[in-house]
Protein backbone atom coordinates (compact mmCIF):
# COMPACT_ATOMS: atom_id res chain seq x y z
CA MET A 1 76.19 105.92 115.97
CA ALA A 2 76.58 109.47 114.20
CA LYS A 3 75.99 109.63 110.42
CA VAL A 4 77.25 111.33 107.76
CA LEU A 5 74.90 111.93 105.05
CA LEU A 6 75.32 114.03 101.73
CA LYS A 7 73.54 115.96 99.85
CA ARG A 8 72.22 113.27 97.03
CA THR A 9 69.58 112.30 93.95
CA THR A 10 68.48 109.77 92.30
CA VAL A 11 67.73 111.50 89.01
CA ALA A 12 69.95 110.64 86.46
CA ALA A 13 71.92 113.17 84.36
CA ARG A 14 71.63 115.62 86.92
CA VAL A 15 74.77 117.14 88.00
CA PRO A 16 74.59 119.55 90.84
CA THR A 17 74.56 123.84 91.20
CA THR A 18 77.54 125.77 92.35
CA ALA A 19 74.66 127.27 93.94
CA GLN A 20 74.00 124.24 95.99
CA CYS A 21 77.80 123.44 97.27
CA ASP A 22 80.13 124.77 99.06
CA THR A 23 83.50 124.50 98.52
CA GLY A 24 84.51 121.17 99.23
CA GLU A 25 81.11 119.79 99.77
CA LEU A 26 80.40 116.92 98.47
CA LEU A 27 77.53 115.36 96.71
CA VAL A 28 76.57 112.39 95.88
CA ASN A 29 74.10 111.25 92.76
CA LEU A 30 73.02 107.96 92.97
CA ALA A 31 71.70 107.10 90.20
CA ASP A 32 75.20 107.17 88.23
CA LYS A 33 77.49 106.43 90.87
CA LEU A 34 78.91 110.15 90.44
CA LEU A 35 80.59 112.29 93.47
CA TYR A 36 80.77 115.61 92.70
CA THR A 37 82.47 118.43 94.74
CA LYS A 38 83.11 122.60 94.28
CA ASP A 39 86.81 122.65 93.60
CA GLY A 40 88.59 126.02 94.81
CA SER A 41 88.36 128.14 91.67
CA GLY A 42 84.66 127.73 92.03
CA SER A 43 83.48 125.01 88.91
CA ILE A 44 81.73 121.82 90.45
CA ILE A 45 83.67 118.88 89.21
CA THR A 46 83.25 114.99 88.77
CA LEU A 47 85.54 113.10 91.46
CA PRO A 48 85.97 110.34 89.33
CA GLY A 49 84.63 106.36 90.28
CA ALA A 50 85.01 103.95 87.91
CA MET A 51 88.59 105.00 85.45
CA ALA A 52 89.81 102.95 83.19
CA TRP A 53 92.99 101.30 83.74
CA SER A 54 94.13 102.45 80.14
CA ALA A 55 93.57 106.73 82.39
CA VAL A 56 95.77 105.98 85.19
CA THR A 57 98.96 108.19 84.92
CA GLY A 58 102.10 107.16 86.97
CA LYS A 59 101.90 103.10 86.82
CA PRO A 60 103.93 100.66 88.72
CA THR A 61 106.44 98.81 85.85
CA THR A 62 107.89 96.34 88.56
CA LEU A 63 106.41 94.00 91.07
CA THR A 64 108.30 96.33 93.12
CA GLY A 65 106.06 99.07 93.04
CA TYR A 66 103.12 97.80 92.95
CA GLY A 67 103.94 96.57 96.77
CA ILE A 68 104.99 93.41 96.03
CA THR A 69 108.51 92.78 97.43
CA ASP A 70 108.29 88.39 98.29
CA ALA A 71 107.61 87.54 94.60
CA ALA A 72 110.09 84.57 93.10
CA ALA A 73 112.24 86.45 89.94
CA GLN A 74 110.70 84.62 86.59
CA LYS A 75 114.34 83.88 86.00
CA ALA A 76 117.34 82.13 89.07
CA THR A 77 119.65 80.20 90.17
CA ALA A 78 120.61 79.15 93.68
CA THR A 79 122.39 76.56 94.97
CA VAL A 80 120.12 74.21 97.53
CA TYR A 81 120.84 71.16 100.08
CA GLY A 82 123.76 68.88 99.50
CA GLY A 83 125.15 70.79 96.30
CA MET A 84 122.02 70.44 94.16
CA LYS A 85 121.97 73.47 92.28
CA ALA A 86 117.88 74.75 91.60
CA SER A 87 117.18 76.90 88.42
CA LEU A 88 113.66 78.51 87.38
CA SER A 89 113.22 79.79 84.56
CA GLY A 90 109.37 81.06 83.80
CA THR A 91 107.17 78.66 85.39
CA THR A 92 109.45 75.49 85.18
CA LEU A 93 111.90 74.78 88.15
CA THR A 94 114.69 72.50 87.24
CA LEU A 95 117.00 70.96 90.20
CA THR A 96 120.83 69.21 88.78
CA THR A 97 123.93 68.27 90.94
CA THR A 98 126.77 69.42 91.24
C-alpha cells in the first residue's frame, strides 16, 4: 500500500524555513503537534490544530445550524391520541384531557 510521508521533526519548537518548504507542502512537528505550510506569499504559516472555542467564528446559534433537524422543541404543544393534549416545557411533559 502506498504511503504519504510528510517532512517532519521531533524537535520541540522547531519551525521549518521557507527554503525547506514548497508552497502548499505540509510539514509536521511531532513534538509540538503542529502542522506548517508555505502560503502563496512565501511565508511559513501554522495550520490550526486544537483551537479554543472562543476563536471559532461563524458559530451556529440554533440546533438547525448544527445540522440537527429532528430535536424536540423546548416548548411545544400537540394534540395526541383521543383528544389528549401534550405540552412540553424544558424537560417536563404534561398530558391533559380536552
